[in-house]
Amino acid sequence: MSTDASAFIQFTFSLLFVANLLAGVYLLRNSERLFGTDPSVPSETSSGRAYGKMQAFVVWAHVAALTGAFAFVIH
């Protein structure tokens, strides 16, 4: 049985889940611009850029999992 509070939480997290999916599309489409080489930082290595890119996508995936769990009431 769904109460008003749980319906509000589910609706809110559904909106956040959709927004997070759109942010993931933005990350994928602009990953080279966001995580590519920067001429103003010559000491930056490719492994440092790869680590930053991986960390951003892992954080995105965790936020997607949490908002999806609350949106579909899997808690």
Protein backbone atom coordinates (compact mmCIF):
# COMPACT_ATOMS: atom_id res chain seq x y z
CA MET A 1 0.00 0.00 0.00
CA SER A 2 1.50 3.32 -1.09
CA THR A 3 1.19 6.34 1.15
CA ASP A 4 1.38 9.94 0.05
CA ALA A 5 4.89 10.31 1.45
CA SER A 6 6.22 7.27 -0.38
CA ALA A 7 4.52 8.39 -3.61
CA PHE A 8 6.22 11.79 -3.28
CA ILE A 9 9.59 10.15 -2.64
CA GLN A 10 9.13 7.79 -5.59
CA PHE A 11 8.14 10.67 -7.89
CA THR A 12 11.07 12.81 -6.73
CA PHE A 13 13.60 10.04 -7.21
CA SER A 14 12.09 9.14 -10.57
CA LEU A 15 12.77 12.69 -11.73
CA LEU A 16 16.28 12.53 -10.30
CA PHE A 17 16.87 9.18 -12.03
CA VAL A 18 15.84 10.60 -15.40
CA ALA A 19 18.00 13.68 -14.81
CA ASN A 20 20.91 11.41 -13.92
CA LEU A 21 20.45 9.41 -17.12
CA LEU A 22 20.53 12.65 -19.11
CA ALA A 23 23.70 13.64 -17.26
CA GLY A 24 25.22 10.30 -18.26
CA VAL A 25 24.42 10.99 -21.91
CA TYR A 26 26.06 14.40 -21.52
CA LEU A 27 29.15 12.76 -19.99
CA LEU A 28 29.41 10.27 -22.84
CA ARG A 29 28.94 12.82 -25.60
CA ASN A 30 31.36 15.36 -24.14
CA SER A 31 33.91 13.03 -22.54
CA GLU A 32 36.75 14.16 -24.81
CA ARG A 33 36.09 17.83 -24.07
CA LEU A 34 35.68 17.19 -20.34
CA PHE A 35 38.51 14.68 -19.85
CA GLY A 36 40.80 15.33 -22.83
CA THR A 37 44.23 16.89 -22.85
CA ASP A 38 44.61 20.40 -21.49
CA PRO A 39 47.44 22.47 -22.96
CA SER A 40 47.58 24.66 -19.86
CA VAL A 41 48.57 21.64 -17.71
CA PRO A 42 51.63 20.12 -19.43
CA SER A 43 52.53 17.89 -16.47
CA GLU A 44 49.23 16.00 -16.64
CA THR A 45 49.68 12.37 -17.69
CA SER A 46 47.32 10.16 -19.64
CA SER A 47 46.91 7.86 -16.63
CA GLY A 48 45.81 10.80 -14.50
CA ARG A 49 43.21 11.77 -17.10
CA ALA A 50 42.01 8.15 -17.35
CA TYR A 51 41.72 7.94 -13.57
CA GLY A 52 39.66 11.15 -13.45
CA LYS A 53 37.39 9.92 -16.23
CA MET A 54 36.92 6.54 -14.54
CA GLN A 55 36.18 8.19 -11.21
CA ALA A 56 33.54 10.47 -12.75
CA PHE A 57 31.79 7.55 -14.43
CA VAL A 58 31.90 5.42 -11.27
CA VAL A 59 30.32 8.23 -9.25
CA TRP A 60 27.69 8.63 -11.98
CA ALA A 61 26.95 4.89 -11.92
CA HIS A 62 26.54 4.88 -8.15
CA VAL A 63 24.17 7.85 -8.26
CA ALA A 64 22.21 6.07 -11.01
CA ALA A 65 21.97 2.93 -8.90
CA LEU A 66 20.82 4.79 -5.79
CA THR A 67 18.27 7.00 -7.52
CA GLY A 68 17.02 4.02 -9.51
CA ALA A 69 16.60 1.96 -6.35
CA PHE A 70 14.56 4.69 -4.67
CA ALA A 71 12.61 5.43 -7.86
CA PHE A 72 11.55 1.81 -8.28
CA VAL A 73 11.17 1.28 -4.51
CA ILE A 74 13.77 -1.44 -4.19
CA HIS A 75 14.92 -0.36 -0.73
